[in-house]
N, C-alpha and C. Protein backbone atom coordinates (compact mmCIF):
# COMPACT_ATOMS: atom_id res chain seq x y z
N MET A 1 8.05 25.66 -21.86
CA MET A 1 9.23 25.08 -21.09
C MET A 1 8.84 24.82 -19.67
N ALA A 2 8.11 25.72 -18.87
CA ALA A 2 7.54 25.62 -17.62
C ALA A 2 6.67 24.32 -17.52
N GLY A 3 5.83 24.00 -18.75
CA GLY A 3 4.92 22.98 -18.73
C GLY A 3 5.65 21.73 -18.80
N SER A 4 6.77 21.65 -19.57
CA SER A 4 7.60 20.47 -19.74
C SER A 4 8.28 20.06 -18.37
N ALA A 5 8.51 21.08 -17.64
CA ALA A 5 9.23 20.77 -16.38
C ALA A 5 8.39 20.11 -15.45
N ASN A 6 7.10 20.83 -15.52
CA ASN A 6 5.97 20.32 -14.44
C ASN A 6 5.58 18.93 -14.91
N THR A 7 5.54 18.60 -16.29
CA THR A 7 5.01 17.24 -16.59
C THR A 7 6.26 16.25 -16.20
N GLN A 8 7.60 16.66 -16.23
CA GLN A 8 8.52 15.55 -15.76
C GLN A 8 8.56 15.64 -14.22
N THR A 9 8.17 16.60 -13.45
CA THR A 9 8.01 16.43 -12.17
C THR A 9 7.04 15.41 -11.80
N GLN A 10 5.82 15.53 -12.27
CA GLN A 10 4.77 14.50 -12.17
C GLN A 10 5.34 13.36 -12.49
N LYS A 11 6.00 12.93 -13.65
CA LYS A 11 6.35 11.61 -14.16
C LYS A 11 7.26 11.06 -13.10
N ASP A 12 8.24 11.81 -12.57
CA ASP A 12 9.24 11.39 -11.56
C ASP A 12 8.58 11.06 -10.27
N ASP A 13 7.39 11.71 -9.84
CA ASP A 13 6.85 11.38 -8.68
C ASP A 13 6.20 9.92 -8.54
N LYS A 14 5.99 9.32 -9.88
CA LYS A 14 5.46 7.94 -9.84
C LYS A 14 6.30 6.99 -9.01
N ALA A 15 5.56 6.06 -8.53
CA ALA A 15 6.40 4.80 -7.74
C ALA A 15 6.94 4.13 -8.89
N HIS A 16 8.34 3.94 -8.90
CA HIS A 16 8.97 3.35 -9.95
C HIS A 16 9.35 1.83 -9.75
N VAL A 17 9.24 1.50 -8.31
CA VAL A 17 9.82 0.26 -7.88
C VAL A 17 8.70 -0.37 -6.73
N TRP A 18 8.51 -1.68 -6.99
CA TRP A 18 7.42 -2.19 -6.11
C TRP A 18 7.63 -3.76 -6.03
N LEU A 19 7.11 -4.41 -4.94
CA LEU A 19 7.07 -5.87 -4.79
C LEU A 19 5.56 -6.29 -4.81
N LYS A 20 5.70 -7.58 -5.19
CA LYS A 20 4.52 -8.39 -4.98
C LYS A 20 4.41 -9.16 -3.75
N PRO A 21 3.20 -9.49 -3.23
CA PRO A 21 3.12 -10.13 -1.81
C PRO A 21 4.10 -11.30 -1.67
N ASP A 22 4.20 -12.21 -2.64
CA ASP A 22 4.86 -13.44 -2.53
C ASP A 22 6.55 -13.04 -2.39
N GLN A 23 6.87 -11.90 -2.84
CA GLN A 23 8.31 -11.31 -2.68
C GLN A 23 8.52 -10.92 -1.26
N VAL A 24 7.55 -10.19 -0.61
CA VAL A 24 7.58 -9.82 0.67
C VAL A 24 7.83 -11.14 1.59
N LYS A 25 6.99 -12.13 1.37
CA LYS A 25 7.11 -13.33 2.16
C LYS A 25 8.36 -13.85 2.12
N GLN A 26 9.06 -13.91 0.77
CA GLN A 26 10.42 -14.20 0.63
C GLN A 26 11.26 -13.70 1.46
N MET A 27 11.20 -12.34 1.60
CA MET A 27 11.99 -11.49 2.30
C MET A 27 11.97 -11.99 3.75
N ARG A 28 10.73 -11.91 4.34
CA ARG A 28 10.47 -12.32 5.64
C ARG A 28 10.98 -13.59 5.96
N ASP A 29 10.98 -14.74 5.12
CA ASP A 29 11.64 -15.97 5.35
C ASP A 29 13.15 -16.02 5.52
N ALA A 30 13.61 -15.09 4.53
CA ALA A 30 15.09 -14.92 4.45
C ALA A 30 15.57 -14.24 5.65
N THR A 31 14.93 -13.21 6.06
CA THR A 31 15.50 -12.47 7.29
C THR A 31 15.49 -13.33 8.51
N VAL A 32 14.36 -14.27 8.71
CA VAL A 32 14.42 -15.09 9.87
C VAL A 32 15.49 -16.06 9.78
N ALA A 33 15.70 -16.39 8.53
CA ALA A 33 16.80 -17.55 8.30
C ALA A 33 18.20 -16.88 8.40
N GLN A 34 18.50 -15.81 8.09
CA GLN A 34 19.79 -15.26 8.01
C GLN A 34 20.13 -14.31 9.13
N SER A 35 19.25 -13.88 9.91
CA SER A 35 19.57 -12.89 10.88
C SER A 35 19.98 -13.66 12.13
N VAL A 36 20.89 -12.85 12.87
CA VAL A 36 21.31 -13.50 14.08
C VAL A 36 20.00 -13.93 15.01
N ASP A 37 20.02 -14.92 15.88
CA ASP A 37 18.76 -15.50 16.29
C ASP A 37 17.95 -14.42 17.04
N TYR A 38 18.53 -13.57 18.02
CA TYR A 38 17.83 -12.66 18.92
C TYR A 38 17.40 -11.54 18.03
N LEU A 39 17.71 -11.26 16.81
CA LEU A 39 17.16 -10.26 16.03
C LEU A 39 16.33 -10.81 14.93
N ALA A 40 16.10 -12.23 14.73
CA ALA A 40 15.24 -12.52 13.74
C ALA A 40 13.76 -12.10 13.85
N GLY A 41 13.26 -12.32 14.98
CA GLY A 41 11.93 -11.89 15.29
C GLY A 41 11.66 -10.41 15.11
N ARG A 42 12.58 -9.64 15.42
CA ARG A 42 12.49 -8.07 15.15
C ARG A 42 12.40 -7.81 13.81
N ASN A 43 13.38 -8.18 13.11
CA ASN A 43 13.45 -8.09 11.53
C ASN A 43 12.11 -8.52 10.89
N ASP A 44 11.58 -9.64 11.37
CA ASP A 44 10.34 -10.35 10.54
C ASP A 44 9.25 -9.14 10.92
N ALA A 45 9.09 -8.80 12.24
CA ALA A 45 8.04 -7.95 12.71
C ALA A 45 8.13 -6.62 11.96
N LEU A 46 9.38 -6.08 11.86
CA LEU A 46 9.56 -4.90 11.17
C LEU A 46 9.07 -4.97 9.70
N ILE A 47 9.39 -5.88 9.02
CA ILE A 47 9.06 -6.05 7.56
C ILE A 47 7.47 -6.00 7.51
N ALA A 48 7.04 -7.15 8.46
CA ALA A 48 5.53 -7.32 8.38
C ALA A 48 4.93 -5.92 8.61
N LEU A 49 5.22 -5.05 9.62
CA LEU A 49 4.67 -3.93 10.11
C LEU A 49 4.53 -3.13 8.88
N LEU A 50 5.69 -2.77 8.32
CA LEU A 50 5.87 -1.90 7.16
C LEU A 50 4.94 -2.26 5.98
N TYR A 51 4.95 -3.46 5.67
CA TYR A 51 4.15 -4.05 4.54
C TYR A 51 2.72 -3.85 4.82
N ASP A 52 2.35 -4.10 6.00
CA ASP A 52 0.90 -3.94 6.33
C ASP A 52 0.43 -2.47 6.49
N THR A 53 1.13 -1.56 6.95
CA THR A 53 0.65 -0.18 7.53
C THR A 53 0.98 0.93 6.31
N GLY A 54 2.13 0.53 5.65
CA GLY A 54 2.71 1.61 4.78
C GLY A 54 3.50 2.79 5.58
N LEU A 55 3.82 2.46 6.76
CA LEU A 55 4.48 3.53 7.52
C LEU A 55 5.80 3.96 6.77
N ARG A 56 6.18 4.97 6.89
CA ARG A 56 7.37 5.85 6.29
C ARG A 56 8.36 5.30 7.29
N VAL A 57 9.75 5.08 6.90
CA VAL A 57 10.82 4.64 7.78
C VAL A 57 10.78 5.43 8.99
N GLY A 58 10.82 7.03 8.97
CA GLY A 58 10.96 7.68 10.11
C GLY A 58 9.88 7.56 11.16
N GLU A 59 8.68 7.16 10.54
CA GLU A 59 7.74 6.88 11.28
C GLU A 59 7.68 5.41 12.17
N ALA A 60 8.30 4.46 11.50
CA ALA A 60 8.62 3.17 12.01
C ALA A 60 9.32 3.27 13.13
N VAL A 61 10.62 3.95 13.19
CA VAL A 61 11.53 3.93 14.05
C VAL A 61 11.05 4.79 15.44
N ALA A 62 10.04 5.53 15.21
CA ALA A 62 9.35 6.46 16.14
C ALA A 62 8.38 5.66 17.00
N VAL A 63 7.86 4.40 16.48
CA VAL A 63 6.76 3.78 17.12
C VAL A 63 7.32 3.21 18.51
N ASP A 64 6.49 3.50 19.48
CA ASP A 64 6.78 2.84 20.89
C ASP A 64 5.79 1.78 21.04
N ILE A 65 6.03 0.81 22.05
CA ILE A 65 5.25 -0.39 22.25
C ILE A 65 3.68 0.21 22.70
N GLU A 66 3.73 1.17 23.46
CA GLU A 66 2.53 1.62 24.08
C GLU A 66 1.58 2.15 22.89
N MET A 67 1.91 2.44 21.72
CA MET A 67 1.16 2.91 20.66
C MET A 67 0.48 1.53 19.95
N LEU A 68 0.79 0.25 20.38
CA LEU A 68 0.11 -0.76 19.79
C LEU A 68 -1.14 -1.16 20.87
N ASP A 69 -2.16 -1.46 20.26
CA ASP A 69 -3.13 -2.25 20.88
C ASP A 69 -3.64 -3.46 20.18
N LEU A 70 -2.92 -4.53 20.57
CA LEU A 70 -3.06 -5.79 19.79
C LEU A 70 -4.41 -6.39 20.13
N ASP A 71 -5.02 -6.05 21.20
CA ASP A 71 -6.30 -6.86 21.38
C ASP A 71 -7.22 -6.14 20.64
N GLU A 72 -7.11 -4.85 20.16
CA GLU A 72 -8.15 -4.19 19.45
C GLU A 72 -7.53 -4.29 17.95
N GLY A 73 -6.30 -4.77 17.84
CA GLY A 73 -5.72 -4.83 16.46
C GLY A 73 -5.42 -3.67 15.84
N VAL A 74 -4.95 -2.42 16.49
CA VAL A 74 -4.60 -1.28 15.74
C VAL A 74 -3.43 -0.66 16.24
N LEU A 75 -2.59 0.04 15.43
CA LEU A 75 -1.48 1.03 15.83
C LEU A 75 -2.13 2.39 15.88
N MET A 76 -1.87 2.86 17.02
CA MET A 76 -2.34 4.32 17.35
C MET A 76 -1.22 5.21 17.08
N LEU A 77 -1.15 5.94 16.15
CA LEU A 77 -0.03 6.92 15.47
C LEU A 77 -0.48 8.20 15.97
N PRO A 78 0.37 8.73 16.77
CA PRO A 78 0.18 10.22 17.18
C PRO A 78 0.51 11.13 15.91
N ALA A 79 0.08 12.39 15.79
CA ALA A 79 0.60 13.13 14.93
C ALA A 79 1.80 13.58 14.96
N GLU A 80 2.42 13.79 16.02
CA GLU A 80 3.74 14.23 16.15
C GLU A 80 4.96 13.42 15.53
N ILE A 81 4.52 12.13 15.29
CA ILE A 81 5.56 11.32 14.50
C ILE A 81 5.27 10.98 13.33
N GLN A 82 4.11 11.60 12.64
CA GLN A 82 4.02 11.52 11.11
C GLN A 82 4.52 12.53 10.30
N LYS A 83 4.64 12.35 9.17
CA LYS A 83 5.14 13.27 8.26
C LYS A 83 4.32 14.54 8.29
N ASP A 84 4.87 15.84 8.42
CA ASP A 84 4.24 16.99 8.61
C ASP A 84 4.00 17.45 7.14
N TYR A 85 2.70 17.85 6.93
CA TYR A 85 2.45 18.62 5.71
C TYR A 85 2.26 20.22 6.05
N PRO A 86 2.97 21.00 5.31
CA PRO A 86 2.90 22.40 5.74
C PRO A 86 1.62 23.09 4.96
N ASN A 87 0.54 22.52 5.38
CA ASN A 87 -0.69 23.19 4.88
C ASN A 87 -1.84 22.74 5.76
N ASP A 88 -3.00 22.89 5.39
CA ASP A 88 -4.22 22.49 6.09
C ASP A 88 -4.56 20.98 6.46
N ASN A 89 -3.75 20.24 5.64
CA ASN A 89 -3.78 18.80 5.72
C ASN A 89 -2.96 18.14 6.73
N SER A 90 -2.37 18.92 7.70
CA SER A 90 -1.46 18.42 8.60
C SER A 90 -2.00 17.19 9.38
N PRO A 91 -1.03 16.16 9.54
CA PRO A 91 -1.77 14.84 9.99
C PRO A 91 -2.51 15.01 11.48
N GLN A 92 -3.20 14.22 11.82
CA GLN A 92 -4.01 13.93 13.04
C GLN A 92 -3.71 12.57 13.58
N TYR A 93 -4.01 12.47 14.78
CA TYR A 93 -3.90 11.15 15.37
C TYR A 93 -4.63 10.12 14.51
N THR A 94 -4.04 9.06 14.29
CA THR A 94 -4.53 8.07 13.38
C THR A 94 -4.58 6.72 13.91
N GLU A 95 -5.66 5.89 13.85
CA GLU A 95 -5.62 4.53 14.25
C GLU A 95 -5.56 3.63 12.95
N ILE A 96 -4.41 2.87 12.85
CA ILE A 96 -4.29 1.96 11.56
C ILE A 96 -4.77 0.59 11.98
N GLU A 97 -5.61 0.06 11.37
CA GLU A 97 -6.03 -1.35 11.61
C GLU A 97 -4.95 -2.46 11.00
N LEU A 98 -4.64 -3.23 11.84
CA LEU A 98 -3.58 -4.13 11.49
C LEU A 98 -4.08 -5.46 10.94
N ALA A 99 -3.60 -6.25 10.09
CA ALA A 99 -3.84 -7.59 9.66
C ALA A 99 -3.62 -8.65 10.84
N ASP A 100 -4.49 -9.77 10.66
CA ASP A 100 -4.41 -10.75 11.67
C ASP A 100 -3.03 -11.31 11.70
N GLU A 101 -2.17 -11.48 10.53
CA GLU A 101 -1.03 -11.98 10.42
C GLU A 101 -0.12 -11.04 11.22
N THR A 102 -0.14 -9.73 10.85
CA THR A 102 0.72 -8.79 11.45
C THR A 102 0.56 -8.89 13.10
N ILE A 103 -0.71 -9.06 13.49
CA ILE A 103 -0.89 -9.13 15.06
C ILE A 103 -0.17 -10.32 15.62
N ARG A 104 -0.40 -11.44 14.82
CA ARG A 104 0.40 -12.74 15.43
C ARG A 104 1.94 -12.35 15.45
N THR A 105 2.36 -11.98 14.38
CA THR A 105 3.84 -11.66 14.38
C THR A 105 4.42 -10.79 15.37
N LEU A 106 3.70 -9.85 15.59
CA LEU A 106 4.01 -8.80 16.69
C LEU A 106 4.01 -9.39 18.01
N ARG A 107 2.86 -10.13 18.51
CA ARG A 107 2.76 -10.86 19.50
C ARG A 107 3.88 -11.83 19.69
N GLN A 108 4.23 -12.54 18.79
CA GLN A 108 5.42 -13.52 18.94
C GLN A 108 6.62 -12.82 19.29
N TYR A 109 6.85 -11.73 18.56
CA TYR A 109 8.08 -10.95 18.73
C TYR A 109 8.16 -10.30 19.99
N LEU A 110 7.17 -9.73 20.49
CA LEU A 110 7.13 -9.03 21.84
C LEU A 110 7.16 -10.07 22.88
N ASN A 111 6.79 -11.29 22.85
CA ASN A 111 6.94 -12.15 23.81
C ASN A 111 8.27 -12.94 23.82
N THR A 112 9.26 -12.55 22.80
CA THR A 112 10.50 -13.19 22.93
C THR A 112 11.57 -12.04 22.61
N ARG A 113 11.21 -10.97 22.99
CA ARG A 113 12.08 -9.73 22.72
C ARG A 113 13.22 -9.71 23.74
N TRP A 114 14.47 -9.46 23.17
CA TRP A 114 15.58 -9.57 24.09
C TRP A 114 15.92 -8.29 24.66
N LYS A 115 15.45 -7.13 24.36
CA LYS A 115 15.66 -5.94 25.10
C LYS A 115 14.53 -5.25 25.59
N ASP A 116 14.57 -4.76 26.63
CA ASP A 116 13.50 -3.92 27.42
C ASP A 116 13.72 -2.55 26.96
N SER A 117 12.78 -2.20 26.01
CA SER A 117 12.91 -0.54 25.56
C SER A 117 11.43 0.01 25.54
N ASP A 118 11.31 1.27 25.44
CA ASP A 118 9.88 1.75 25.02
C ASP A 118 9.85 1.64 23.61
N ALA A 119 10.70 1.78 22.73
CA ALA A 119 10.75 1.68 21.37
C ALA A 119 10.39 0.19 20.98
N LEU A 120 9.40 0.08 19.93
CA LEU A 120 9.02 -1.15 19.50
C LEU A 120 10.21 -1.90 18.81
N PHE A 121 11.01 -1.11 18.19
CA PHE A 121 12.13 -1.71 17.27
C PHE A 121 13.55 -1.16 17.91
N PRO A 122 14.19 -1.81 18.93
CA PRO A 122 15.51 -1.45 19.46
C PRO A 122 16.47 -2.00 18.67
N SER A 123 17.77 -1.39 18.72
CA SER A 123 18.77 -2.08 18.03
C SER A 123 19.96 -2.63 18.91
N ARG A 124 20.90 -3.20 18.54
CA ARG A 124 21.91 -3.73 19.21
C ARG A 124 22.61 -2.69 20.20
N GLN A 125 22.85 -1.61 19.63
CA GLN A 125 23.47 -0.52 20.17
C GLN A 125 22.78 0.49 21.12
N SER A 126 21.48 0.41 20.85
CA SER A 126 20.71 1.68 21.47
C SER A 126 19.14 1.18 21.54
N ASP A 127 18.55 1.87 22.36
CA ASP A 127 17.15 1.47 22.49
C ASP A 127 16.16 1.74 21.36
N ARG A 128 16.66 2.32 20.31
CA ARG A 128 15.67 2.62 19.19
C ARG A 128 16.73 2.39 17.91
N MET A 129 16.05 1.81 16.85
CA MET A 129 16.83 1.45 15.58
C MET A 129 16.77 3.02 15.02
N THR A 130 17.78 3.22 14.14
CA THR A 130 18.03 4.48 13.14
C THR A 130 17.15 4.18 11.95
N THR A 131 16.96 5.15 11.24
CA THR A 131 16.35 4.83 9.87
C THR A 131 17.22 4.03 8.81
N GLU A 132 18.44 4.45 9.16
CA GLU A 132 19.73 3.66 8.41
C GLU A 132 19.65 2.20 8.67
N SER A 133 19.58 1.82 9.87
CA SER A 133 19.51 0.35 10.29
C SER A 133 18.40 -0.23 9.61
N VAL A 134 17.21 0.33 9.66
CA VAL A 134 15.87 -0.04 9.07
C VAL A 134 16.21 -0.48 7.57
N ARG A 135 16.77 0.53 7.02
CA ARG A 135 17.16 0.44 5.54
C ARG A 135 18.23 -0.83 5.31
N ASN A 136 19.20 -1.06 6.22
CA ASN A 136 19.92 -2.10 6.00
C ASN A 136 19.26 -3.37 6.33
N VAL A 137 18.31 -3.58 7.21
CA VAL A 137 17.55 -4.71 7.50
C VAL A 137 16.75 -5.18 6.05
N ILE A 138 16.19 -4.23 5.34
CA ILE A 138 15.27 -4.38 4.22
C ILE A 138 16.17 -4.76 3.18
N ARG A 139 17.46 -4.08 2.97
CA ARG A 139 18.28 -4.25 1.83
C ARG A 139 18.79 -5.80 1.98
N ASP A 140 19.29 -6.13 3.13
CA ASP A 140 19.84 -7.51 3.40
C ASP A 140 18.95 -8.62 3.16
N ALA A 141 17.70 -8.39 3.52
CA ALA A 141 16.27 -9.20 3.37
C ALA A 141 16.39 -9.64 1.84
N ALA A 142 16.43 -8.19 1.16
CA ALA A 142 16.13 -8.46 -0.31
C ALA A 142 17.27 -9.20 -0.97
N GLU A 143 18.43 -8.88 -0.57
CA GLU A 143 19.62 -9.55 -1.17
C GLU A 143 19.51 -10.97 -0.80
N ASP A 144 19.29 -11.46 0.61
CA ASP A 144 19.33 -12.79 1.04
C ASP A 144 18.38 -13.63 0.15
N ALA A 145 17.30 -13.04 -0.06
CA ALA A 145 15.99 -13.45 -0.95
C ALA A 145 16.15 -13.50 -2.38
N GLU A 146 17.35 -12.88 -2.75
CA GLU A 146 17.42 -12.51 -4.22
C GLU A 146 16.38 -12.13 -5.10
N ILE A 147 15.70 -10.91 -4.26
CA ILE A 147 14.42 -10.38 -4.69
C ILE A 147 14.86 -9.42 -6.11
N ARG A 148 14.06 -9.80 -7.09
CA ARG A 148 14.07 -8.82 -8.26
C ARG A 148 12.71 -7.98 -8.35
N PRO A 149 12.76 -6.80 -7.73
CA PRO A 149 11.46 -6.08 -7.73
C PRO A 149 10.98 -5.65 -9.21
N TYR A 150 9.64 -5.30 -9.12
CA TYR A 150 8.97 -4.86 -10.47
C TYR A 150 9.31 -3.38 -10.41
N THR A 151 9.55 -2.82 -11.64
CA THR A 151 9.91 -1.55 -11.87
C THR A 151 9.15 -1.14 -13.20
N VAL A 152 9.01 0.23 -13.26
CA VAL A 152 8.36 0.70 -14.74
C VAL A 152 9.08 0.34 -15.87
N LYS A 153 10.43 -0.12 -15.57
CA LYS A 153 11.38 -0.36 -16.84
C LYS A 153 11.53 -2.00 -16.88
N GLY A 154 10.82 -2.78 -16.03
CA GLY A 154 11.22 -4.15 -16.20
C GLY A 154 11.52 -4.72 -14.62
N ARG A 155 12.17 -5.58 -14.63
CA ARG A 155 12.55 -6.08 -13.53
C ARG A 155 14.01 -5.49 -12.79
N GLY A 156 13.89 -5.17 -11.48
CA GLY A 156 15.12 -4.54 -11.01
C GLY A 156 16.12 -5.57 -10.13
N SER A 157 16.89 -5.02 -9.32
CA SER A 157 17.57 -5.73 -8.61
C SER A 157 17.48 -5.67 -6.87
N PRO A 158 18.08 -6.59 -6.27
CA PRO A 158 17.77 -6.41 -4.80
C PRO A 158 18.19 -5.06 -4.11
N ASP A 159 19.29 -4.45 -4.65
CA ASP A 159 19.63 -3.13 -3.98
C ASP A 159 18.54 -2.09 -4.32
N GLN A 160 17.75 -2.28 -5.10
CA GLN A 160 16.59 -1.14 -5.22
C GLN A 160 15.68 -1.31 -4.34
N VAL A 161 15.55 -2.42 -3.40
CA VAL A 161 14.48 -2.35 -2.36
C VAL A 161 14.59 -1.81 -1.13
N THR A 162 13.83 -0.84 -0.82
CA THR A 162 13.98 -0.11 0.40
C THR A 162 12.83 -0.03 1.36
N PRO A 163 12.59 0.58 2.39
CA PRO A 163 11.49 0.68 3.33
C PRO A 163 10.44 1.38 2.43
N HIS A 164 10.67 2.39 1.69
CA HIS A 164 9.75 3.23 0.79
C HIS A 164 9.16 2.35 -0.23
N VAL A 165 9.99 1.31 -0.83
CA VAL A 165 9.40 0.33 -1.72
C VAL A 165 8.43 -0.36 -1.00
N LEU A 166 8.42 -0.77 0.27
CA LEU A 166 7.53 -1.67 0.81
C LEU A 166 6.28 -0.76 0.98
N ARG A 167 6.31 0.59 1.23
CA ARG A 167 5.21 1.31 1.36
C ARG A 167 4.36 1.52 -0.28
N HIS A 168 5.32 1.58 -1.35
CA HIS A 168 4.70 1.46 -2.49
C HIS A 168 3.98 0.12 -2.76
N SER A 169 4.58 -0.81 -2.27
CA SER A 169 3.96 -2.27 -2.43
C SER A 169 2.58 -2.40 -1.72
N VAL A 170 2.49 -1.59 -0.70
CA VAL A 170 1.11 -1.62 0.02
C VAL A 170 0.01 -1.08 -1.06
N ALA A 171 0.33 -0.04 -1.70
CA ALA A 171 -0.54 0.32 -2.79
C ALA A 171 -0.90 -0.64 -3.89
N TYR A 172 0.17 -1.16 -4.25
CA TYR A 172 0.01 -2.30 -5.27
C TYR A 172 -0.87 -3.18 -4.92
N ARG A 173 -0.49 -3.69 -3.71
CA ARG A 173 -1.36 -4.84 -3.12
C ARG A 173 -2.71 -4.59 -2.93
N MET A 174 -3.15 -3.35 -2.50
CA MET A 174 -4.39 -2.99 -2.22
C MET A 174 -5.22 -2.73 -3.70
N LEU A 175 -4.49 -2.37 -4.55
CA LEU A 175 -5.22 -2.04 -5.86
C LEU A 175 -5.22 -3.36 -6.76
N ASN A 176 -4.44 -4.30 -6.59
CA ASN A 176 -4.29 -5.27 -7.48
C ASN A 176 -4.54 -6.75 -6.95
N ARG A 177 -4.47 -6.77 -5.43
CA ARG A 177 -4.56 -8.00 -4.88
C ARG A 177 -5.75 -8.19 -3.89
N GLU A 178 -6.32 -7.07 -3.36
CA GLU A 178 -7.30 -7.16 -2.40
C GLU A 178 -8.59 -6.53 -3.21
N GLU A 179 -9.70 -7.12 -3.05
CA GLU A 179 -11.04 -6.78 -3.69
C GLU A 179 -11.55 -5.50 -3.21
N GLY A 180 -12.13 -4.55 -4.20
CA GLY A 180 -12.73 -3.60 -3.81
C GLY A 180 -11.99 -2.24 -3.33
N ASN A 181 -10.72 -2.29 -3.39
CA ASN A 181 -10.13 -0.99 -3.02
C ASN A 181 -10.07 -0.04 -4.24
N THR A 182 -10.19 1.25 -3.60
CA THR A 182 -10.01 2.34 -4.60
C THR A 182 -8.73 3.25 -4.32
N LEU A 183 -8.39 4.06 -5.23
CA LEU A 183 -7.34 5.07 -4.85
C LEU A 183 -7.68 5.80 -3.55
N TYR A 184 -8.86 6.08 -3.18
CA TYR A 184 -9.24 6.71 -1.97
C TYR A 184 -8.93 6.02 -0.91
N ASP A 185 -9.14 4.61 -0.86
CA ASP A 185 -8.60 3.80 0.28
C ASP A 185 -7.28 3.59 0.39
N VAL A 186 -6.42 3.76 -0.57
CA VAL A 186 -4.94 3.84 -0.60
C VAL A 186 -4.71 5.29 0.07
N THR A 187 -5.26 6.34 -0.29
CA THR A 187 -4.96 7.59 0.32
C THR A 187 -5.04 7.47 1.82
N LYS A 188 -6.28 6.78 2.24
CA LYS A 188 -6.48 6.77 3.73
C LYS A 188 -5.39 5.95 4.46
N ARG A 189 -5.05 4.90 3.73
CA ARG A 189 -4.04 3.75 4.34
C ARG A 189 -2.67 4.51 4.35
N LEU A 190 -2.33 5.02 3.29
CA LEU A 190 -0.88 5.78 3.24
C LEU A 190 -0.94 7.04 3.94
N ARG A 191 -2.10 7.67 4.25
CA ARG A 191 -2.11 8.97 4.99
C ARG A 191 -1.58 10.01 4.20
N HIS A 192 -1.86 9.98 2.99
CA HIS A 192 -1.55 11.27 1.92
C HIS A 192 -2.36 12.41 2.14
N ALA A 193 -1.74 13.70 1.91
CA ALA A 193 -2.44 14.83 2.30
C ALA A 193 -3.69 15.06 1.35
N THR A 194 -3.76 14.54 0.15
CA THR A 194 -4.77 14.50 -0.68
C THR A 194 -4.86 13.39 -1.74
N ILE A 195 -6.08 13.02 -2.24
CA ILE A 195 -6.10 11.88 -3.20
C ILE A 195 -5.39 12.29 -4.54
N LEU A 196 -4.99 13.72 -4.68
CA LEU A 196 -4.30 14.03 -5.80
C LEU A 196 -2.74 13.40 -5.69
N THR A 197 -2.35 13.23 -4.53
CA THR A 197 -0.91 12.74 -4.43
C THR A 197 -0.93 11.24 -4.71
N THR A 198 -2.12 10.52 -4.35
CA THR A 198 -2.18 9.22 -4.50
C THR A 198 -2.40 8.91 -5.98
N GLU A 199 -3.08 9.72 -6.74
CA GLU A 199 -3.18 9.50 -8.11
C GLU A 199 -2.01 9.88 -8.97
N ARG A 200 -1.20 10.81 -8.38
CA ARG A 200 -0.03 11.18 -8.97
C ARG A 200 0.96 10.09 -8.96
N VAL A 201 1.13 9.47 -7.75
CA VAL A 201 2.12 8.32 -7.62
C VAL A 201 1.60 6.90 -7.92
N TYR A 202 0.38 6.58 -7.95
CA TYR A 202 -0.06 5.29 -8.01
C TYR A 202 -1.08 5.03 -9.11
N SER A 203 -1.33 5.92 -9.96
CA SER A 203 -2.32 5.67 -11.03
C SER A 203 -2.07 4.71 -11.88
N HIS A 204 -0.87 4.23 -11.98
CA HIS A 204 -0.35 3.20 -12.92
C HIS A 204 -0.62 1.85 -12.39
N PHE A 205 -0.93 1.74 -11.13
CA PHE A 205 -1.05 0.67 -10.20
C PHE A 205 -2.61 0.10 -10.49
N ASP A 206 -3.48 1.10 -10.91
CA ASP A 206 -5.00 0.84 -10.87
C ASP A 206 -5.15 0.49 -12.22
N ARG A 207 -5.59 -0.80 -12.36
CA ARG A 207 -5.66 -1.59 -13.74
C ARG A 207 -6.99 -1.21 -14.33
N VAL A 208 -7.03 -1.22 -15.63
CA VAL A 208 -8.04 -0.73 -16.56
C VAL A 208 -8.70 -1.93 -17.05
């Protein structure tokens, strides 16, 4: 019985919903078209950064502008804003290399940002977005673009698209759309505690 429960847990850990690159582009186009003008750049940059780096939503809202070095093309992620693992694999300071397109998007956003705050992503009401407000941006973009994500059971609906789905989509892109990546590369990009986590969650993305 215990073995069956363990098998079920591992099955449930798998990424059940993900997007392909063209769907993320459709979401970005939709958020620019449908957002209030002064929020369009922020929302586009938010989606671009999440899809490039695989940040968790709690990490994304904690990013400050000073953590970006766009000349070097990196996001400097301090340990204290990363998910904490209660073991010897606790996160360390990490530099995440940014794609050229993400750098361009962030530069454009920062050059036209309507609010001066330390946080990279402020909200209308405060100097920093909440995790819920980020989820709302992602959901609205998916609904506006009429995205039907891919799932282990077929095609899904827009309301299934969340920030964590973008994180899963990074793994899908790396393993199926970019040459030469392995599960180990995904482990490093997503900052998993061990490669066992990556194998458990994304082994079905690794084509045979």
